[in-house]
C-alpha atoms as a PDB file:
ATOM      1  CA  MET A   1      -0.042   0.023  -0.041  1.00  0.00           C
ATOM      2  CA  LYS A   2       2.716   2.489   0.889  1.00  0.00           C
ATOM      3  CA  GLN A   3       4.728   1.650  -2.218  1.00  0.00           C
ATOM      4  CA  THR A   4       1.563   2.283  -4.344  1.00  0.00           C
ATOM      5  CA  GLN A   5       1.121   5.679  -2.701  1.00  0.00           C
ATOM      6  CA  MET A   6       4.772   6.600  -3.205  1.00  0.00           C
ATOM      7  CA  TRP A   7       4.490   5.740  -6.942  1.00  0.00           C
ATOM      8  CA  THR A   8       1.322   7.811  -7.174  1.00  0.00           C
ATOM      9  CA  TYR A   9       2.941  10.837  -5.603  1.00  0.00           C
ATOM     10  CA  ILE A  10       5.907  10.428  -7.946  1.00  0.00           C
ATOM     11  CA  PHE A  11       3.651  10.146 -10.990  1.00  0.00           C
ATOM     12  CA  VAL A  12       1.629  13.341  -9.879  1.00  0.00           C
ATOM     13  CA  ILE A  13       4.835  15.269  -9.308  1.00  0.00           C
ATOM     14  CA  PHE A  14       6.123  14.224 -12.739  1.00  0.00           C
ATOM     15  CA  LEU A  15       2.882  15.202 -14.541  1.00  0.00           C
ATOM     16  CA  THR A  16       2.946  18.593 -12.715  1.00  0.00           C
ATOM     17  CA  LEU A  17       6.425  19.334 -13.670  1.00  0.00           C
ATOM     18  CA  GLN A  18       5.857  18.120 -17.246  1.00  0.00           C
ATOM     19  CA  SER A  19       2.787  20.402 -17.632  1.00  0.00           C
ATOM     20  CA  GLN A  20       4.705  23.453 -16.240  1.00  0.00           C
ATOM     21  CA  CYS A  21       7.580  22.851 -18.632  1.00  0.00           C
ATOM     22  CA  SER A  22       5.534  22.372 -21.697  1.00  0.00           C
ATOM     23  CA  ALA A  23       3.167  25.251 -20.950  1.00  0.00           C
ATOM     24  CA  CYS A  24       6.045  27.762 -21.259  1.00  0.00           C
ATOM     25  CA  ARG A  25       8.018  25.982 -23.976  1.00  0.00           C
ATOM     26  CA  TRP A  26       6.413  28.492 -26.333  1.00  0.00           C
ATOM     27  CA  LEU A  27       8.719  31.193 -24.923  1.00  0.00           C
ATOM     28  CA  GLY A  28      11.391  29.745 -27.221  1.00  0.00           C
ATOM     29  CA  ARG A  29       9.285  30.438 -30.265  1.00  0.00           C
ATOM     30  CA  TYR A  30       8.094  33.865 -29.123  1.00  0.00           C
ATOM     31  CA  GLY A  31      10.952  35.658 -30.771  1.00  0.00           C
ATOM     32  CA  THR A  32      10.172  34.361 -34.256  1.00  0.00           C
ATOM     33  CA  VAL A  33       6.522  35.416 -34.050  1.00  0.00           C
ATOM     34  CA  SER A  34       7.448  38.674 -32.458  1.00  0.00           C
ATOM     35  CA  ALA A  35       9.898  39.376 -35.350  1.00  0.00           C
ATOM     36  CA  ASP A  36       6.944  38.754 -37.772  1.00  0.00           C
ATOM     37  CA  SER A  37       4.794  41.224 -35.827  1.00  0.00           C
ATOM     38  CA  LEU A  38       7.483  43.839 -35.981  1.00  0.00           C
ATOM     39  CA  SER A  39       7.854  43.332 -39.657  1.00  0.00           C
ATOM     40  CA  GLN A  40       4.157  43.619 -40.236  1.00  0.00           C
ATOM     41  CA  LEU A  41       4.079  46.722 -38.065  1.00  0.00           C
ATOM     42  CA  ARG A  42       6.729  48.274 -40.273  1.00  0.00           C
ATOM     43  CA  GLU A  43       4.930  47.284 -43.545  1.00  0.00           C
ATOM     44  CA  MET A  44       1.674  48.707 -42.179  1.00  0.00           C
ATOM     45  CA  GLY A  45       2.604  52.398 -42.410  1.00  0.00           C
ATOM     46  CA  GLY A  46       6.136  52.896 -43.888  1.00  0.00           C
ATOM     47  CA  GLN A  47       8.566  55.219 -42.089  1.00  0.00           C
ATOM     48  CA  TYR A  48       8.037  55.899 -38.427  1.00  0.00           C
ATOM     49  CA  LEU A  49       7.490  59.445 -37.313  1.00  0.00           C
ATOM     50  CA  GLU A  50      10.607  60.687 -35.616  1.00  0.00           C
ATOM     51  CA  ASN A  51       9.111  63.855 -34.030  1.00  0.00           C
ATOM     52  CA  SER A  52       6.179  62.253 -32.259  1.00  0.00           C
ATOM     53  CA  LYS A  53       6.198  62.569 -28.480  1.00  0.00           C
ATOM     54  CA  VAL A  54       4.276  59.947 -26.605  1.00  0.00           C
ATOM     55  CA  HIS A  55       5.134  58.998 -23.043  1.00  0.00           C
ATOM     56  CA  PHE A  56       6.600  55.464 -22.856  1.00  0.00           C
ATOM     57  CA  PRO A  57       6.821  53.625 -19.533  1.00  0.00           C
ATOM     58  CA  GLY A  58      10.535  52.855 -19.822  1.00  0.00           C
ATOM     59  CA  SER A  59      10.933  52.712 -16.024  1.00  0.00           C
ATOM     60  CA  LEU A  60       8.233  50.102 -15.793  1.00  0.00           C
ATOM     61  CA  TYR A  61      10.115  47.894 -18.332  1.00  0.00           C
ATOM     62  CA  LYS A  62      13.303  48.347 -16.293  1.00  0.00           C
ATOM     63  CA  LEU A  63      11.431  47.009 -13.235  1.00  0.00           C
ATOM     64  CA  MET A  64      10.024  44.139 -15.230  1.00  0.00           C
ATOM     65  CA  ASP A  65      13.576  43.194 -16.391  1.00  0.00           C
ATOM     66  CA  LYS A  66      14.279  42.351 -12.744  1.00  0.00           C
ATOM     67  CA  ALA A  67      10.965  40.806 -11.889  1.00  0.00           C
ATOM     68  CA  LYS A  68      10.271  37.129 -11.321  1.00  0.00           C
ATOM     69  CA  VAL A  69       9.581  35.052 -14.459  1.00  0.00           C
ATOM     70  CA  GLU A  70       5.947  34.613 -13.609  1.00  0.00           C
ATOM     71  CA  ASP A  71       5.397  38.348 -13.373  1.00  0.00           C
ATOM     72  CA  GLN A  72       7.359  38.853 -16.616  1.00  0.00           C
ATOM     73  CA  VAL A  73       5.086  36.391 -18.504  1.00  0.00           C
ATOM     74  CA  LYS A  74       1.942  37.960 -16.855  1.00  0.00           C
ATOM     75  CA  PHE A  75       3.167  41.394 -17.986  1.00  0.00           C
ATOM     76  CA  LEU A  76       3.751  40.214 -21.517  1.00  0.00           C
ATOM     77  CA  VAL A  77       0.252  38.907 -21.735  1.00  0.00           C
ATOM     78  CA  LEU A  78      -1.383  41.963 -20.268  1.00  0.00           C
ATOM     79  CA  THR A  79       0.684  44.292 -22.585  1.00  0.00           C
ATOM     80  CA  LEU A  80      -0.222  42.154 -25.637  1.00  0.00           C
ATOM     81  CA  ASP A  81      -3.904  42.253 -24.765  1.00  0.00           C
ATOM     82  CA  HIS A  82      -3.781  46.071 -24.439  1.00  0.00           C
ATOM     83  CA  ILE A  83      -1.954  46.395 -27.835  1.00  0.00           C
ATOM     84  CA  ILE A  84      -4.514  44.089 -29.459  1.00  0.00           C
ATOM     85  CA  GLU A  85      -7.420  46.103 -28.014  1.00  0.00           C
ATOM     86  CA  LEU A  86      -5.782  49.400 -29.094  1.00  0.00           C
ATOM     87  CA  MET A  87      -5.004  48.135 -32.626  1.00  0.00           C
ATOM     88  CA  GLU A  88      -8.386  46.633 -33.160  1.00  0.00           C
ATOM     89  CA  ALA A  89      -9.693  50.247 -32.883  1.00  0.00           C
ATOM     90  CA  SER A  90      -7.864  51.093 -36.108  1.00  0.00           C
ATOM     91  CA  GLN A  91     -11.244  50.606 -37.785  1.00  0.00           C
ATOM     92  CA  HIS A  92     -11.873  54.186 -36.612  1.00  0.00           C
ATOM     93  CA  MET A  93      -8.945  55.445 -38.618  1.00  0.00           C
ATOM     94  CA  ASN A  94      -9.914  58.423 -40.772  1.00  0.00           C
ATOM     95  CA  SER A  95      -7.364  57.559 -43.439  1.00  0.00           C
ATOM     96  CA  GLU A  96      -6.745  54.683 -45.818  1.00  0.00           C
ATOM     97  CA  LYS A  97      -3.074  54.869 -44.988  1.00  0.00           C
ATOM     98  CA  TRP A  98      -2.600  51.409 -43.428  1.00  0.00           C
ATOM     99  CA  ASN A  99      -3.033  48.179 -45.433  1.00  0.00           C
ATOM    100  CA  PRO A 100      -5.981  46.440 -43.780  1.00  0.00           C
ATOM    101  CA  LYS A 101      -4.713  42.952 -44.772  1.00  0.00           C
ATOM    102  CA  THR A 102      -1.292  43.675 -43.057  1.00  0.00           C
ATOM    103  CA  VAL A 103      -3.175  44.979 -39.980  1.00  0.00           C
ATOM    104  CA  GLY A 104      -5.159  41.692 -39.933  1.00  0.00           C
ATOM    105  CA  TYR A 105      -2.052  39.596 -40.035  1.00  0.00           C
ATOM    106  CA  PHE A 106      -0.504  41.718 -37.385  1.00  0.00           C
ATOM    107  CA  LEU A 107      -3.498  41.317 -35.104  1.00  0.00           C
ATOM    108  CA  LYS A 108      -3.556  37.581 -35.777  1.00  0.00           C
ATOM    109  CA  ASN A 109       0.119  37.277 -34.751  1.00  0.00           C
ATOM    110  CA  LEU A 110      -0.575  39.177 -31.562  1.00  0.00           C
ATOM    111  CA  HIS A 111      -3.521  37.039 -30.709  1.00  0.00           C
ATOM    112  CA  ARG A 112      -1.339  33.921 -31.158  1.00  0.00           C
ATOM    113  CA  GLN A 113       1.383  35.348 -28.960  1.00  0.00           C
ATOM    114  CA  SER A 114      -1.196  36.251 -26.246  1.00  0.00           C
ATOM    115  CA  SER A 115      -2.982  32.936 -26.256  1.00  0.00           C
ATOM    116  CA  GLU A 116       0.225  30.884 -26.131  1.00  0.00           C
ATOM    117  CA  LEU A 117       1.554  32.984 -23.315  1.00  0.00           C
ATOM    118  CA  LYS A 118      -1.790  32.657 -21.489  1.00  0.00           C
ATOM    119  CA  GLU A 119      -1.073  28.896 -21.172  1.00  0.00           C
ATOM    120  CA  CYS A 120       2.069  29.783 -19.291  1.00  0.00           C
ATOM    121  CA  VAL A 121       0.165  32.213 -17.073  1.00  0.00           C
ATOM    122  CA  ALA A 122      -2.499  29.687 -16.273  1.00  0.00           C
ATOM    123  CA  GLN A 123      -0.051  27.927 -13.907  1.00  0.00           C
ATOM    124  CA  TYR A 124       0.474  31.040 -11.858  1.00  0.00           C
ATOM    125  CA  GLN A 125      -1.768  32.628  -9.279  1.00  0.00           C
ATOM    126  CA  LYS A 126      -3.189  35.983 -10.198  1.00  0.00           C
ATOM    127  CA  PRO A 127      -2.894  38.648  -7.598  1.00  0.00           C
ATOM    128  CA  LEU A 128      -3.108  42.293  -8.672  1.00  0.00           C
ATOM    129  CA  LYS A 129       0.416  43.561  -9.190  1.00  0.00           C
ATOM    130  CA  PHE A 130       1.840  47.157  -9.372  1.00  0.00           C
ATOM    131  CA  TYR A 131       2.631  46.810 -13.040  1.00  0.00           C
ATOM    132  CA  GLU A 132      -0.971  46.135 -13.950  1.00  0.00           C
ATOM    133  CA  ILE A 133      -2.118  49.601 -12.759  1.00  0.00           C
ATOM    134  CA  ARG A 134       0.710  51.311 -14.457  1.00  0.00           C
ATOM    135  CA  ILE A 135       0.386  49.591 -17.811  1.00  0.00           C
ATOM    136  CA  ASN A 136      -3.395  49.967 -17.739  1.00  0.00           C
ATOM    137  CA  ARG A 137      -2.909  53.704 -17.172  1.00  0.00           C
ATOM    138  CA  HIS A 138      -0.449  53.943 -20.035  1.00  0.00           C
ATOM    139  CA  PHE A 139      -2.761  52.355 -22.525  1.00  0.00           C
ATOM    140  CA  ARG A 140      -5.681  54.428 -21.250  1.00  0.00           C
ATOM    141  CA  ASP A 141      -3.452  57.469 -22.089  1.00  0.00           C
ATOM    142  CA  LEU A 142      -2.802  56.101 -25.562  1.00  0.00           C
ATOM    143  CA  LYS A 143      -6.632  55.815 -26.212  1.00  0.00           C
ATOM    144  CA  LYS A 144      -7.043  59.363 -25.066  1.00  0.00           C
ATOM    145  CA  ILE A 145      -4.484  60.549 -27.608  1.00  0.00           C
ATOM    146  CA  LEU A 146      -6.485  58.847 -30.350  1.00  0.00           C
ATOM    147  CA  LYS A 147      -9.715  60.335 -29.150  1.00  0.00           C
ATOM    148  CA  LYS A 148      -8.237  63.748 -28.764  1.00  0.00           C
ATOM    149  CA  GLU A 149      -6.736  63.698 -32.195  1.00  0.00           C
ATOM    150  CA  LYS A 150      -9.989  62.215 -33.633  1.00  0.00           C
ATOM    151  CA  TYR A 151      -8.330  59.046 -34.707  1.00  0.00           C
ATOM    152  CA  SER A 152      -6.254  60.917 -37.336  1.00  0.00           C
ATOM    153  CA  ALA A 153      -3.511  59.255 -39.362  1.00  0.00           C
ATOM    154  CA  GLN A 154      -0.948  61.371 -37.362  1.00  0.00           C
ATOM    155  CA  ALA A 155      -2.363  59.967 -34.091  1.00  0.00           C
ATOM    156  CA  TRP A 156      -2.268  56.338 -35.391  1.00  0.00           C
ATOM    157  CA  GLU A 157       1.385  56.811 -36.415  1.00  0.00           C
ATOM    158  CA  LYS A 158       2.140  57.936 -32.900  1.00  0.00           C
ATOM    159  CA  ILE A 159       0.481  54.742 -31.601  1.00  0.00           C
ATOM    160  CA  ARG A 160       2.304  52.571 -34.182  1.00  0.00           C
ATOM    161  CA  LYS A 161       5.666  53.892 -33.050  1.00  0.00           C
ATOM    162  CA  THR A 162       4.784  53.367 -29.465  1.00  0.00           C
ATOM    163  CA  VAL A 163       3.623  49.842 -30.165  1.00  0.00           C
ATOM    164  CA  ARG A 164       6.986  49.194 -31.864  1.00  0.00           C
ATOM    165  CA  SER A 165       8.766  50.302 -28.712  1.00  0.00           C
ATOM    166  CA  HIS A 166       6.571  47.991 -26.653  1.00  0.00           C
ATOM    167  CA  LEU A 167       7.301  45.028 -28.847  1.00  0.00           C
ATOM    168  CA  HIS A 168      11.017  45.630 -28.780  1.00  0.00           C
ATOM    169  CA  ARG A 169      11.078  45.899 -24.963  1.00  0.00           C
ATOM    170  CA  MET A 170       8.859  42.733 -24.718  1.00  0.00           C
ATOM    171  CA  ASP A 171      11.480  40.843 -26.727  1.00  0.00           C
ATOM    172  CA  ILE A 172      14.124  41.796 -24.092  1.00  0.00           C
ATOM    173  CA  ILE A 173      11.780  40.670 -21.298  1.00  0.00           C
ATOM    174  CA  THR A 174      11.079  37.357 -23.172  1.00  0.00           C
ATOM    175  CA  SER A 175      14.841  36.783 -23.612  1.00  0.00           C
ATOM    176  CA  ASN A 176      15.316  37.179 -19.884  1.00  0.00           C
ATOM    177  CA  ALA A 177      12.434  34.858 -19.082  1.00  0.00           C
ATOM    178  CA  LYS A 178      13.727  32.161 -21.371  1.00  0.00           C
ATOM    179  CA  LYS A 179      17.020  32.172 -19.537  1.00  0.00           C
ATOM    180  CA  SER A 180      15.172  31.256 -16.300  1.00  0.00           C
ATOM    181  CA  PHE A 181      13.342  28.334 -17.718  1.00  0.00           C
END
């Protein structure tokens, strides 16, 4: 009886470890899909505006570089979901400047990244963290920029440049998280 219980415990531990490892295996492929997203973002609108001034939460990303892996992965998912929500509002764009097909591929890639990372997040508990409040506020400010500028092409280019910065910084966080797995 005791030997059977011992083997049962070993089996349960093995399955638990196996599911945790396989859930976040996708972090290794994140870079490839992210590179595709960055390429599509570039194709969407041509040259990036150099003179656009939009606040970027660089200090938050510096904090996330030092955070635990589970917080980094949760932050990636949260940020991707905000980017998706923001970019899906491109239907309000007053200009035909962006290629709708490229926007669709871009959103599809972001949805894939988010859903794959959500499998990693599923194994972690979900308490409210400081970064959630700050990143929520940042994306709320980006939406205000769009509304204030009446969804103009200029406003969307500011958003596109900011999204590019997010994707670049998220790649760095992913690289750090992969090293810990």
